């Protein structure tokens, strides 16, 4: 019986994550299907910005953060992170976003919702700091291109970092699960992009015949 509240929050998190705001808002407000217009057919925030404009893109980002934040924050506040099932509470919004029950073609890559999940931990701030810190590190200092590789390396480092600095085992496992979902979705979208690494003071070589990234 003690696990029922966690199971309810897992379900709540999955249903919350399944709301693909980057797909719905442009469709409702602009009468456009960004998955049909974009090259990668991804119902994500980048395509919402590209095709629906900045105001809708900002609204999508906020809603994507909120849908990851709310179930984790409420579960953290009411139940705590002591049970191993809390790891699934953390992962549920990302899983819902990546694999929504209503969309056979799959969902998005779960980056924005992952930030929301980490925000929902609130007092457990280290996973969020690691996520932000590694993204900035690999975007501004040790530049990893293209974005697919940067994201994979970032989430791998976040998982290892949490293992070293976070004491809560459920939070460590939850971070690993969220990272696993993000990495899986990016590898599923892999189209042979070559990894490039350079320092901030270096000018990266211009890619030849590189396909545009939307």
C-alpha atoms as a PDB file:
ATOM      1  CA  UNK A   1       0.000   0.000   0.000  1.00  0.00           C
ATOM      2  CA  UNK A   2       2.851   2.390   0.760  1.00  0.00           C
ATOM      3  CA  UNK A   3       3.928   2.269  -2.896  1.00  0.00           C
ATOM      4  CA  UNK A   4       0.545   3.315  -4.302  1.00  0.00           C
ATOM      5  CA  UNK A   5       1.201   7.088  -3.993  1.00  0.00           C
ATOM      6  CA  UNK A   6       4.468   6.675  -5.906  1.00  0.00           C
ATOM      7  CA  UNK A   7       2.703   4.655  -8.591  1.00  0.00           C
ATOM      8  CA  UNK A   8       0.093   7.391  -8.931  1.00  0.00           C
ATOM      9  CA  UNK A   9       2.797  10.014  -9.352  1.00  0.00           C
ATOM     10  CA  UNK A  10       4.526   7.825 -11.937  1.00  0.00           C
ATOM     11  CA  UNK A  11       1.277   7.696 -13.900  1.00  0.00           C
ATOM     12  CA  UNK A  12       0.749  11.430 -13.425  1.00  0.00           C
ATOM     13  CA  UNK A  13       4.286  12.142 -14.609  1.00  0.00           C
ATOM     14  CA  UNK A  14       3.914   9.956 -17.678  1.00  0.00           C
ATOM     15  CA  UNK A  15       0.605  11.571 -18.680  1.00  0.00           C
ATOM     16  CA  UNK A  16       2.050  15.023 -18.044  1.00  0.00           C
ATOM     17  CA  UNK A  17       5.088  14.215 -20.179  1.00  0.00           C
ATOM     18  CA  UNK A  18       2.863  12.894 -22.961  1.00  0.00           C
ATOM     19  CA  UNK A  19       1.487  16.386 -23.558  1.00  0.00           C
ATOM     20  CA  UNK A  20       3.672  17.471 -26.475  1.00  0.00           C
ATOM     21  CA  UNK A  21       3.253  21.231 -26.266  1.00  0.00           C
ATOM     22  CA  UNK A  22       5.682  21.808 -29.127  1.00  0.00           C
ATOM     23  CA  UNK A  23       3.257  19.871 -31.302  1.00  0.00           C
ATOM     24  CA  UNK A  24      -0.048  21.119 -29.873  1.00  0.00           C
ATOM     25  CA  UNK A  25       0.558  24.869 -29.533  1.00  0.00           C
ATOM     26  CA  UNK A  26       1.628  25.472 -33.161  1.00  0.00           C
ATOM     27  CA  UNK A  27      -1.227  23.239 -34.319  1.00  0.00           C
ATOM     28  CA  UNK A  28      -3.833  25.028 -32.188  1.00  0.00           C
ATOM     29  CA  UNK A  29      -2.586  28.595 -32.581  1.00  0.00           C
ATOM     30  CA  UNK A  30      -0.921  28.612 -36.003  1.00  0.00           C
ATOM     31  CA  UNK A  31      -2.711  25.753 -37.732  1.00  0.00           C
ATOM     32  CA  UNK A  32       0.593  24.084 -38.562  1.00  0.00           C
ATOM     33  CA  UNK A  33       2.096  20.658 -37.945  1.00  0.00           C
ATOM     34  CA  UNK A  34       5.774  21.195 -37.147  1.00  0.00           C
ATOM     35  CA  UNK A  35       6.479  17.468 -37.481  1.00  0.00           C
ATOM     36  CA  UNK A  36       5.374  17.645 -41.109  1.00  0.00           C
ATOM     37  CA  UNK A  37       7.331  20.812 -41.830  1.00  0.00           C
ATOM     38  CA  UNK A  38      10.610  19.890 -40.126  1.00  0.00           C
ATOM     39  CA  UNK A  39      13.263  17.642 -41.593  1.00  0.00           C
ATOM     40  CA  UNK A  40      13.651  15.502 -38.464  1.00  0.00           C
ATOM     41  CA  UNK A  41       9.875  15.380 -37.771  1.00  0.00           C
ATOM     42  CA  UNK A  42      10.648  16.032 -34.110  1.00  0.00           C
ATOM     43  CA  UNK A  43       7.881  17.563 -31.925  1.00  0.00           C
ATOM     44  CA  UNK A  44      10.426  19.554 -29.949  1.00  0.00           C
ATOM     45  CA  UNK A  45      11.093  23.095 -28.816  1.00  0.00           C
ATOM     46  CA  UNK A  46      13.687  23.868 -31.508  1.00  0.00           C
ATOM     47  CA  UNK A  47      11.175  23.173 -34.256  1.00  0.00           C
ATOM     48  CA  UNK A  48       8.526  25.164 -32.405  1.00  0.00           C
ATOM     49  CA  UNK A  49      10.863  28.183 -32.423  1.00  0.00           C
ATOM     50  CA  UNK A  50      11.857  27.635 -36.057  1.00  0.00           C
ATOM     51  CA  UNK A  51       8.390  27.273 -37.539  1.00  0.00           C
ATOM     52  CA  UNK A  52       5.939  28.881 -35.088  1.00  0.00           C
ATOM     53  CA  UNK A  53       8.011  31.860 -33.970  1.00  0.00           C
ATOM     54  CA  UNK A  54       9.624  33.151 -30.799  1.00  0.00           C
ATOM     55  CA  UNK A  55       6.482  33.854 -28.664  1.00  0.00           C
ATOM     56  CA  UNK A  56       5.105  30.358 -29.172  1.00  0.00           C
ATOM     57  CA  UNK A  57       8.586  28.911 -28.768  1.00  0.00           C
ATOM     58  CA  UNK A  58       8.945  30.596 -25.377  1.00  0.00           C
ATOM     59  CA  UNK A  59       5.514  29.348 -24.314  1.00  0.00           C
ATOM     60  CA  UNK A  60       6.511  25.830 -25.360  1.00  0.00           C
ATOM     61  CA  UNK A  61       9.739  25.976 -23.341  1.00  0.00           C
ATOM     62  CA  UNK A  62       7.893  27.115 -20.207  1.00  0.00           C
ATOM     63  CA  UNK A  63       5.224  24.428 -20.551  1.00  0.00           C
ATOM     64  CA  UNK A  64       7.805  21.723 -21.264  1.00  0.00           C
ATOM     65  CA  UNK A  65       9.703  22.718 -18.131  1.00  0.00           C
ATOM     66  CA  UNK A  66       6.515  22.829 -16.089  1.00  0.00           C
ATOM     67  CA  UNK A  67       5.295  19.390 -17.156  1.00  0.00           C
ATOM     68  CA  UNK A  68       8.530  17.874 -15.882  1.00  0.00           C
ATOM     69  CA  UNK A  69       8.693  20.081 -12.813  1.00  0.00           C
ATOM     70  CA  UNK A  70       5.193  19.629 -11.389  1.00  0.00           C
ATOM     71  CA  UNK A  71       4.956  15.843 -10.783  1.00  0.00           C
ATOM     72  CA  UNK A  72       8.517  15.625  -9.450  1.00  0.00           C
ATOM     73  CA  UNK A  73       8.143  18.675  -7.212  1.00  0.00           C
ATOM     74  CA  UNK A  74       4.855  17.453  -5.719  1.00  0.00           C
ATOM     75  CA  UNK A  75       6.182  13.933  -5.187  1.00  0.00           C
ATOM     76  CA  UNK A  76       9.345  15.314  -3.591  1.00  0.00           C
ATOM     77  CA  UNK A  77       7.304  17.557  -1.306  1.00  0.00           C
ATOM     78  CA  UNK A  78       4.640  15.036  -0.273  1.00  0.00           C
ATOM     79  CA  UNK A  79       6.443  11.690  -0.448  1.00  0.00           C
ATOM     80  CA  UNK A  80      10.168  12.393  -0.393  1.00  0.00           C
ATOM     81  CA  UNK A  81      12.938  10.739  -2.373  1.00  0.00           C
ATOM     82  CA  UNK A  82      13.648   7.828   0.002  1.00  0.00           C
ATOM     83  CA  UNK A  83      11.896   5.085  -1.966  1.00  0.00           C
ATOM     84  CA  UNK A  84      13.499   3.618  -5.083  1.00  0.00           C
ATOM     85  CA  UNK A  85      10.225   4.210  -6.925  1.00  0.00           C
ATOM     86  CA  UNK A  86      11.054   7.905  -6.810  1.00  0.00           C
ATOM     87  CA  UNK A  87      13.535   7.177  -9.594  1.00  0.00           C
ATOM     88  CA  UNK A  88      10.599   6.228 -11.826  1.00  0.00           C
ATOM     89  CA  UNK A  89       8.733   9.346 -10.725  1.00  0.00           C
ATOM     90  CA  UNK A  90      11.668  11.341 -12.094  1.00  0.00           C
ATOM     91  CA  UNK A  91      11.861   9.337 -15.304  1.00  0.00           C
ATOM     92  CA  UNK A  92       8.119   9.276 -16.028  1.00  0.00           C
ATOM     93  CA  UNK A  93       7.803  12.773 -17.604  1.00  0.00           C
ATOM     94  CA  UNK A  94      10.792  12.134 -19.875  1.00  0.00           C
ATOM     95  CA  UNK A  95       9.429   8.720 -20.868  1.00  0.00           C
ATOM     96  CA  UNK A  96       6.007  10.251 -21.543  1.00  0.00           C
ATOM     97  CA  UNK A  97       7.555  12.934 -23.728  1.00  0.00           C
ATOM     98  CA  UNK A  98       9.725  10.470 -25.644  1.00  0.00           C
ATOM     99  CA  UNK A  99       7.071   7.753 -25.951  1.00  0.00           C
ATOM    100  CA  UNK A 100       3.587   9.300 -25.622  1.00  0.00           C
ATOM    101  CA  UNK A 101       0.761   6.785 -25.562  1.00  0.00           C
ATOM    102  CA  UNK A 102      -1.231   8.618 -28.237  1.00  0.00           C
ATOM    103  CA  UNK A 103       1.472   9.056 -30.874  1.00  0.00           C
ATOM    104  CA  UNK A 104       2.666   5.935 -32.673  1.00  0.00           C
ATOM    105  CA  UNK A 105       5.547   7.755 -34.320  1.00  0.00           C
ATOM    106  CA  UNK A 106       7.042   8.642 -30.964  1.00  0.00           C
ATOM    107  CA  UNK A 107       7.605  11.890 -29.178  1.00  0.00           C
ATOM    108  CA  UNK A 108      10.449  14.343 -28.750  1.00  0.00           C
ATOM    109  CA  UNK A 109      14.006  14.075 -27.502  1.00  0.00           C
ATOM    110  CA  UNK A 110      13.110  15.057 -23.907  1.00  0.00           C
ATOM    111  CA  UNK A 111      15.735  17.744 -23.283  1.00  0.00           C
ATOM    112  CA  UNK A 112      13.498  20.564 -22.021  1.00  0.00           C
ATOM    113  CA  UNK A 113      11.378  18.241 -19.890  1.00  0.00           C
ATOM    114  CA  UNK A 114      14.583  16.848 -18.351  1.00  0.00           C
ATOM    115  CA  UNK A 115      15.485  20.322 -17.148  1.00  0.00           C
ATOM    116  CA  UNK A 116      11.990  20.542 -15.649  1.00  0.00           C
ATOM    117  CA  UNK A 117      12.507  17.246 -13.833  1.00  0.00           C
ATOM    118  CA  UNK A 118      15.766  18.511 -12.317  1.00  0.00           C
ATOM    119  CA  UNK A 119      14.064  21.765 -11.306  1.00  0.00           C
ATOM    120  CA  UNK A 120      11.395  19.717  -9.557  1.00  0.00           C
ATOM    121  CA  UNK A 121      13.983  18.193  -7.224  1.00  0.00           C
ATOM    122  CA  UNK A 122      14.220  21.656  -5.690  1.00  0.00           C
ATOM    123  CA  UNK A 123      16.375  21.118  -2.578  1.00  0.00           C
ATOM    124  CA  UNK A 124      18.331  18.423  -4.405  1.00  0.00           C
ATOM    125  CA  UNK A 125      19.903  21.062  -6.623  1.00  0.00           C
ATOM    126  CA  UNK A 126      23.089  19.247  -7.659  1.00  0.00           C
ATOM    127  CA  UNK A 127      21.619  17.355 -10.652  1.00  0.00           C
ATOM    128  CA  UNK A 128      20.315  20.626 -12.104  1.00  0.00           C
ATOM    129  CA  UNK A 129      23.649  22.369 -11.552  1.00  0.00           C
ATOM    130  CA  UNK A 130      25.443  19.489 -13.229  1.00  0.00           C
ATOM    131  CA  UNK A 131      23.070  19.554 -16.199  1.00  0.00           C
ATOM    132  CA  UNK A 132      23.401  23.306 -16.689  1.00  0.00           C
ATOM    133  CA  UNK A 133      27.137  23.260 -16.004  1.00  0.00           C
ATOM    134  CA  UNK A 134      27.997  20.495 -18.455  1.00  0.00           C
ATOM    135  CA  UNK A 135      25.806  21.987 -21.180  1.00  0.00           C
ATOM    136  CA  UNK A 136      27.617  25.321 -20.774  1.00  0.00           C
ATOM    137  CA  UNK A 137      31.009  23.599 -20.630  1.00  0.00           C
ATOM    138  CA  UNK A 138      30.465  21.679 -23.842  1.00  0.00           C
ATOM    139  CA  UNK A 139      28.811  24.627 -25.577  1.00  0.00           C
ATOM    140  CA  UNK A 140      31.201  27.439 -24.634  1.00  0.00           C
ATOM    141  CA  UNK A 141      34.552  26.065 -23.448  1.00  0.00           C
ATOM    142  CA  UNK A 142      35.156  22.572 -24.814  1.00  0.00           C
ATOM    143  CA  UNK A 143      32.845  22.879 -27.782  1.00  0.00           C
ATOM    144  CA  UNK A 144      31.279  19.630 -28.944  1.00  0.00           C
ATOM    145  CA  UNK A 145      29.447  19.653 -32.250  1.00  0.00           C
ATOM    146  CA  UNK A 146      26.928  18.859 -33.548  1.00  0.00           C
ATOM    147  CA  UNK A 147      24.225  19.220 -30.927  1.00  0.00           C
ATOM    148  CA  UNK A 148      23.426  15.497 -30.921  1.00  0.00           C
ATOM    149  CA  UNK A 149      26.898  14.584 -29.679  1.00  0.00           C
ATOM    150  CA  UNK A 150      26.961  17.498 -27.231  1.00  0.00           C
ATOM    151  CA  UNK A 151      23.723  16.314 -25.652  1.00  0.00           C
ATOM    152  CA  UNK A 152      24.827  12.680 -25.390  1.00  0.00           C
ATOM    153  CA  UNK A 153      28.137  13.619 -23.737  1.00  0.00           C
ATOM    154  CA  UNK A 154      26.385  16.090 -21.424  1.00  0.00           C
ATOM    155  CA  UNK A 155      23.868  13.586 -20.097  1.00  0.00           C
ATOM    156  CA  UNK A 156      26.520  10.893 -19.699  1.00  0.00           C
ATOM    157  CA  UNK A 157      28.586  13.305 -17.610  1.00  0.00           C
ATOM    158  CA  UNK A 158      25.545  14.311 -15.556  1.00  0.00           C
ATOM    159  CA  UNK A 159      24.845  10.665 -14.698  1.00  0.00           C
ATOM    160  CA  UNK A 160      28.445  10.073 -13.626  1.00  0.00           C
ATOM    161  CA  UNK A 161      28.536  13.368 -11.746  1.00  0.00           C
ATOM    162  CA  UNK A 162      25.381  12.516  -9.788  1.00  0.00           C
ATOM    163  CA  UNK A 163      26.918   9.178  -8.847  1.00  0.00           C
ATOM    164  CA  UNK A 164      29.811  11.085  -7.286  1.00  0.00           C
ATOM    165  CA  UNK A 165      28.095  14.018  -5.562  1.00  0.00           C
ATOM    166  CA  UNK A 166      24.448  13.060  -4.893  1.00  0.00           C
ATOM    167  CA  UNK A 167      23.736  10.984  -1.797  1.00  0.00           C
ATOM    168  CA  UNK A 168      20.156  10.000  -2.604  1.00  0.00           C
ATOM    169  CA  UNK A 169      20.254   6.677  -4.465  1.00  0.00           C
ATOM    170  CA  UNK A 170      16.746   7.151  -5.968  1.00  0.00           C
ATOM    171  CA  UNK A 171      17.800  10.555  -7.333  1.00  0.00           C
ATOM    172  CA  UNK A 172      20.981   9.063  -8.800  1.00  0.00           C
ATOM    173  CA  UNK A 173      18.970   6.270 -10.439  1.00  0.00           C
ATOM    174  CA  UNK A 174      16.311   8.708 -11.631  1.00  0.00           C
ATOM    175  CA  UNK A 175      18.931  10.941 -13.215  1.00  0.00           C
ATOM    176  CA  UNK A 176      20.437   7.908 -14.951  1.00  0.00           C
ATOM    177  CA  UNK A 177      17.006   6.874 -16.272  1.00  0.00           C
ATOM    178  CA  UNK A 178      16.237  10.365 -17.562  1.00  0.00           C
ATOM    179  CA  UNK A 179      19.673  10.508 -19.191  1.00  0.00           C
ATOM    180  CA  UNK A 180      19.098   7.087 -20.734  1.00  0.00           C
ATOM    181  CA  UNK A 181      15.847   8.244 -22.342  1.00  0.00           C
ATOM    182  CA  UNK A 182      17.480  11.373 -23.783  1.00  0.00           C
ATOM    183  CA  UNK A 183      20.515   9.478 -25.078  1.00  0.00           C
ATOM    184  CA  UNK A 184      18.374   6.738 -26.618  1.00  0.00           C
ATOM    185  CA  UNK A 185      16.204   9.262 -28.458  1.00  0.00           C
ATOM    186  CA  UNK A 186      19.261  11.044 -29.817  1.00  0.00           C
ATOM    187  CA  UNK A 187      20.897   7.849 -31.015  1.00  0.00           C
ATOM    188  CA  UNK A 188      17.603   6.890 -32.643  1.00  0.00           C
ATOM    189  CA  UNK A 189      17.820  10.143 -34.625  1.00  0.00           C
ATOM    190  CA  UNK A 190      21.504   9.676 -35.494  1.00  0.00           C
ATOM    191  CA  UNK A 191      22.234  10.169 -39.200  1.00  0.00           C
ATOM    192  CA  UNK A 192      25.987   9.769 -39.319  1.00  0.00           C
ATOM    193  CA  UNK A 193      26.892  13.194 -37.911  1.00  0.00           C
ATOM    194  CA  UNK A 194      30.628  13.363 -37.180  1.00  0.00           C
ATOM    195  CA  UNK A 195      31.831  14.342 -33.714  1.00  0.00           C
ATOM    196  CA  UNK A 196      33.853  17.572 -33.585  1.00  0.00           C
ATOM    197  CA  UNK A 197      35.624  18.876 -30.477  1.00  0.00           C
ATOM    198  CA  UNK A 198      37.450  22.188 -30.242  1.00  0.00           C
ATOM    199  CA  UNK A 199      38.362  24.813 -27.642  1.00  0.00           C
ATOM    200  CA  UNK A 200      36.534  28.121 -27.333  1.00  0.00           C
ATOM    201  CA  UNK A 201      39.426  30.036 -28.913  1.00  0.00           C
ATOM    202  CA  UNK A 202      39.569  27.777 -31.955  1.00  0.00           C
ATOM    203  CA  UNK A 203      37.533  28.141 -35.100  1.00  0.00           C
ATOM    204  CA  UNK A 204      35.945  24.820 -35.996  1.00  0.00           C
ATOM    205  CA  UNK A 205      36.490  23.570 -39.535  1.00  0.00           C
ATOM    206  CA  UNK A 206      33.582  24.192 -41.829  1.00  0.00           C
ATOM    207  CA  UNK A 207      31.673  20.959 -42.337  1.00  0.00           C
ATOM    208  CA  UNK A 208      31.469  19.766 -45.903  1.00  0.00           C
ATOM    209  CA  UNK A 209      28.148  18.594 -47.296  1.00  0.00           C
ATOM    210  CA  UNK A 210      26.624  18.658 -43.827  1.00  0.00           C
ATOM    211  CA  UNK A 211      22.869  18.370 -43.795  1.00  0.00           C
ATOM    212  CA  UNK A 212      21.026  21.257 -42.094  1.00  0.00           C
ATOM    213  CA  UNK A 213      19.992  20.645 -38.531  1.00  0.00           C
ATOM    214  CA  UNK A 214      16.435  21.697 -37.669  1.00  0.00           C
END
